[in-house]
Amino acid sequence: MTNYNRVINAYIEWSKKNNAEVFLMRATPVFTSPTPDGAADFEFMELLISPYDVSGTGWTKWLTGEDGQKLNEQWQEAADCRVALNTAFIEVIDQDALSNRDDRMMVFNWCTPKAGVSTDQLVAKHDQMSAGWTTDSPLKAWTIMVPGLGSRNTPGAFAHILSFEDAQGLMAWQNATANEGGWRARQDYETSYAECTGDNAYYAEVLHRPGS
C-alpha cells in the first residue's frame, strides 16, 4: 500500500496539472459477502467522481500524454485493477455533513426491476421515497448508480449507494430499519418494485477534493 499510495498521490498531482481533478474516495470492505467460490474478489474500491467533460479531458491526456502513460505503467505495476465508467444520480445529499469530514460509511445494494416494472415507475417510487428525507436522518446521501462502460456483468441493473457520517450513523439506520418500521418500506420495495442482492458496507476515505 505504501507503493500504491505513492502512485495515487502522483495521480492527484497529475490531475491538478492537467485540469482533470476528480473527487476521489477509497472504500474498504467492512461487512461484505464473498464471491460464490468463497474468496474476496478485491481488497478495496476507488471511486473517481467527476462530470463527463472532466472525465473526457482526463482520459484523453492519460492515454495520449507522456506523463499520463508513464504514470499508467506505475499504476499497473503497483496494483491489479478493473476499471469501469458508471453513471450516478443523486437522490438526496446533506452536503454540509459530508464536506466536514474525510471519512464515512457507505452501503451498496444491487437491484434489478421486477418483471413489468418500468424505469419511469422506479423513478417515481424513488422520488416518493426521498420526499420525506431531512438532514436530521442518519442517511447523509443516497445515490443511484447505473452501470456503464466496462460493467457488463454487474450483480444487478442498478445500485443503491447509501452514505453515513460514521459507523454510529450506519447503526442508527440499521436500528430504524429493524425496530422503527423501516423494514416495512424495504419489504414493500423488494416485493413490488425490485429484487435486490443485499447490503454490503464499506469504510470510505476521501483522498482528494477538486480544488484542495
Protein backbone atom coordinates (compact mmCIF):
# COMPACT_ATOMS: atom_id res chain seq x y z
CA MET A 1 0.00 0.00 0.00
CA THR A 2 2.92 2.36 0.57
CA ASN A 3 3.97 1.91 -3.05
CA TYR A 4 0.40 2.19 -4.26
CA ASN A 5 -0.26 5.37 -2.28
CA ARG A 6 2.78 6.96 -3.93
CA VAL A 7 1.12 6.33 -7.29
CA ILE A 8 -2.20 7.74 -6.04
CA ASN A 9 -0.50 10.90 -4.77
CA ALA A 10 1.33 11.25 -8.09
CA TYR A 11 -2.00 10.84 -9.92
CA ILE A 12 -3.60 13.58 -7.82
CA GLU A 13 -0.75 15.95 -8.67
CA TRP A 14 -1.02 14.96 -12.35
CA SER A 15 -4.77 15.67 -12.33
CA LYS A 16 -4.18 19.16 -10.91
CA LYS A 17 -1.68 20.00 -13.65
CA ASN A 18 -3.98 18.66 -16.39
CA ASN A 19 -7.30 20.23 -15.33
CA ALA A 20 -8.68 16.76 -14.66
CA GLU A 21 -9.28 16.73 -10.91
CA VAL A 22 -11.84 14.27 -9.56
CA PHE A 23 -13.45 13.65 -6.21
CA LEU A 24 -11.55 10.53 -5.11
CA MET A 25 -12.57 8.05 -2.42
CA ARG A 26 -11.22 4.67 -1.33
CA ALA A 27 -13.74 2.17 0.07
CA THR A 28 -12.54 -0.78 2.15
CA PRO A 29 -14.89 -3.72 2.89
CA VAL A 30 -16.32 -3.94 6.42
CA PHE A 31 -19.48 -6.07 6.10
CA THR A 32 -19.37 -7.75 2.68
CA SER A 33 -20.26 -11.06 1.08
CA PRO A 34 -17.60 -13.19 -0.65
CA THR A 35 -17.83 -14.39 -4.22
CA PRO A 36 -19.68 -17.71 -4.84
CA ASP A 37 -16.40 -19.65 -4.53
CA GLY A 38 -15.80 -18.16 -1.07
CA ALA A 39 -12.98 -15.78 -1.98
CA ALA A 40 -12.85 -12.00 -1.74
CA ASP A 41 -12.51 -10.68 -5.29
CA PHE A 42 -10.92 -7.32 -4.34
CA GLU A 43 -9.24 -5.62 -1.40
CA PHE A 44 -10.68 -2.15 -1.90
CA MET A 45 -12.55 0.05 -4.38
CA GLU A 46 -11.67 3.54 -5.51
CA LEU A 47 -14.40 5.86 -6.74
CA LEU A 48 -13.32 8.71 -9.02
CA ILE A 49 -16.27 11.08 -9.36
CA SER A 50 -16.49 13.88 -11.93
CA PRO A 51 -18.67 15.35 -14.71
CA TYR A 52 -18.33 13.69 -18.11
CA ASP A 53 -16.35 16.57 -19.61
CA VAL A 54 -13.73 16.37 -16.85
CA SER A 55 -13.55 12.60 -17.32
CA GLY A 56 -13.08 13.07 -21.06
CA THR A 57 -10.26 15.56 -20.56
CA GLY A 58 -8.56 13.29 -18.06
CA TRP A 59 -8.77 10.14 -20.14
CA THR A 60 -7.56 11.89 -23.30
CA LYS A 61 -4.49 13.22 -21.53
CA TRP A 62 -3.97 9.96 -19.67
CA LEU A 63 -3.99 7.88 -22.86
CA THR A 64 -2.03 10.25 -25.11
CA GLY A 65 0.26 12.24 -22.83
CA GLU A 66 3.78 11.10 -21.98
CA ASP A 67 3.29 11.83 -18.26
CA GLY A 68 -0.04 10.01 -18.22
CA GLN A 69 1.37 6.91 -19.90
CA LYS A 70 4.33 6.82 -17.53
CA LEU A 71 2.02 7.10 -14.54
CA ASN A 72 -0.25 4.41 -16.01
CA GLU A 73 2.70 2.00 -16.10
CA GLN A 74 3.47 2.73 -12.46
CA TRP A 75 -0.17 2.21 -11.52
CA GLN A 76 -0.32 -1.19 -13.24
CA GLU A 77 2.89 -2.26 -11.54
CA ALA A 78 1.50 -1.33 -8.13
CA ALA A 79 -1.97 -2.93 -8.34
CA ASP A 80 -4.28 -5.16 -10.32
CA CYS A 81 -7.35 -3.02 -11.05
CA ARG A 82 -10.56 -3.34 -13.03
CA VAL A 83 -11.84 -0.02 -14.37
CA ALA A 84 -15.45 0.84 -15.19
CA LEU A 85 -17.34 4.03 -16.03
CA ASN A 86 -20.77 4.27 -14.38
CA THR A 87 -23.42 6.97 -14.06
CA ALA A 88 -24.65 8.29 -10.71
CA PHE A 89 -27.90 10.09 -9.90
CA ILE A 90 -28.09 11.81 -6.51
CA GLU A 91 -31.45 11.32 -4.79
CA VAL A 92 -30.62 13.09 -1.51
CA ILE A 93 -27.48 14.63 -0.02
CA ASP A 94 -26.50 16.54 3.11
CA GLN A 95 -23.56 18.36 1.57
CA ASP A 96 -22.62 20.16 4.79
CA ALA A 97 -22.39 16.95 6.81
CA LEU A 98 -20.24 15.14 4.24
CA SER A 99 -17.99 18.11 3.44
CA ASN A 100 -16.89 18.42 7.05
CA ARG A 101 -15.17 15.06 7.26
CA ASP A 102 -12.82 12.91 5.20
CA ASP A 103 -14.32 9.53 6.03
CA ARG A 104 -17.75 7.92 6.01
CA MET A 105 -19.57 4.60 5.88
CA MET A 106 -21.14 3.52 2.59
CA VAL A 107 -23.61 0.75 1.77
CA PHE A 108 -24.05 -0.74 -1.72
CA ASN A 109 -27.11 -2.78 -2.71
CA TRP A 110 -27.55 -4.01 -6.28
CA CYS A 111 -31.13 -4.32 -7.56
CA THR A 112 -33.00 -5.38 -10.71
CA PRO A 113 -36.56 -4.22 -11.57
CA LYS A 114 -39.34 -6.74 -11.11
CA ALA A 115 -40.94 -8.08 -14.29
CA GLY A 116 -43.26 -5.43 -15.72
CA VAL A 117 -41.83 -2.55 -13.65
CA SER A 118 -40.69 0.27 -15.94
CA THR A 119 -37.89 2.78 -15.40
CA ASP A 120 -40.50 5.54 -15.06
CA GLN A 121 -42.23 3.61 -12.29
CA LEU A 122 -38.92 3.12 -10.48
CA VAL A 123 -38.05 6.81 -10.79
CA ALA A 124 -41.46 7.75 -9.37
CA LYS A 125 -41.00 5.31 -6.48
CA HIS A 126 -37.53 6.65 -5.71
CA ASP A 127 -38.87 10.22 -5.76
CA GLN A 128 -41.61 9.18 -3.34
CA MET A 129 -39.06 7.50 -1.05
CA SER A 130 -36.80 10.55 -0.99
CA ALA A 131 -39.61 13.09 -0.48
CA GLY A 132 -39.72 12.66 3.29
CA TRP A 133 -35.96 12.81 3.82
CA THR A 134 -34.46 15.56 6.01
CA THR A 135 -30.94 16.31 7.22
CA ASP A 136 -31.96 15.00 10.65
CA SER A 137 -31.78 11.50 9.17
CA PRO A 138 -28.63 9.42 9.76
CA LEU A 139 -28.68 8.91 5.97
CA LYS A 140 -26.49 11.67 4.56
CA ALA A 141 -26.57 10.71 0.87
CA TRP A 142 -28.48 8.34 -1.38
CA THR A 143 -27.20 7.81 -4.91
CA ILE A 144 -28.46 5.55 -7.71
CA MET A 145 -25.58 4.10 -9.76
CA VAL A 146 -26.30 2.73 -13.24
CA PRO A 147 -23.68 0.53 -14.94
CA GLY A 148 -21.90 1.91 -17.97
CA LEU A 149 -18.68 1.18 -19.83
CA GLY A 150 -16.83 -1.90 -18.58
CA SER A 151 -19.70 -3.02 -16.30
CA ARG A 152 -21.27 -5.78 -18.35
CA ASN A 153 -21.57 -8.41 -15.59
CA THR A 154 -22.83 -6.44 -12.61
CA PRO A 155 -24.92 -8.14 -9.87
CA GLY A 156 -27.96 -6.03 -10.83
CA ALA A 157 -29.36 -3.39 -13.16
CA PHE A 158 -28.54 -0.55 -10.77
CA ALA A 159 -27.15 0.01 -7.28
CA HIS A 160 -28.40 1.97 -4.31
CA ILE A 161 -25.46 3.67 -2.57
CA LEU A 162 -26.18 4.99 0.92
CA SER A 163 -23.70 7.19 2.79
CA PHE A 164 -23.47 7.84 6.53
CA GLU A 165 -21.18 10.11 8.54
CA ASP A 166 -19.76 7.22 10.57
CA ALA A 167 -20.47 3.74 11.93
CA GLN A 168 -22.80 5.22 14.55
CA GLY A 169 -24.92 6.72 11.77
CA LEU A 170 -24.95 3.40 9.91
CA MET A 171 -26.10 1.58 13.05
CA ALA A 172 -28.79 4.20 13.68
CA TRP A 173 -30.08 3.45 10.18
CA GLN A 174 -29.97 -0.28 10.89
CA ASN A 175 -31.91 0.29 14.11
CA ALA A 176 -34.54 2.36 12.28
CA THR A 177 -34.89 -0.43 9.74
CA ALA A 178 -35.12 -3.21 12.31
CA ASN A 179 -37.02 -1.58 15.16
CA GLU A 180 -38.76 1.55 13.89
CA GLY A 181 -40.71 0.25 10.91
CA GLY A 182 -38.13 0.86 8.19
CA TRP A 183 -38.35 -2.81 7.25
CA ARG A 184 -41.90 -2.25 6.01
CA ALA A 185 -40.79 0.24 3.36
CA ARG A 186 -37.95 -2.04 2.34
CA GLN A 187 -40.23 -5.06 2.14
CA ASP A 188 -42.72 -3.11 0.01
CA TYR A 189 -39.93 -2.03 -2.36
CA GLU A 190 -38.46 -5.51 -2.74
CA THR A 191 -41.89 -7.13 -3.09
CA SER A 192 -43.35 -4.77 -5.69
CA TYR A 193 -40.53 -2.91 -7.43
CA ALA A 194 -37.12 -4.61 -7.47
CA GLU A 195 -35.20 -7.70 -6.46
CA CYS A 196 -32.02 -6.81 -4.56
CA THR A 197 -28.88 -8.73 -3.62
CA GLY A 198 -28.50 -7.28 -0.11
CA ASP A 199 -26.30 -4.67 1.55
CA ASN A 200 -22.51 -4.62 1.56
CA ALA A 201 -20.91 -1.98 3.81
CA TYR A 202 -17.59 -0.17 3.35
CA TYR A 203 -15.43 2.29 5.24
CA ALA A 204 -14.64 5.11 2.79
CA GLU A 205 -11.85 7.69 2.95
CA VAL A 206 -11.79 10.86 0.87
CA LEU A 207 -8.38 11.06 -0.79
CA HIS A 208 -8.94 14.24 -2.81
CA ARG A 209 -11.44 17.01 -3.38
CA PRO A 210 -11.08 19.12 -6.54
CA GLY A 211 -9.54 22.46 -5.70
CA SER A 212 -7.96 21.29 -2.46
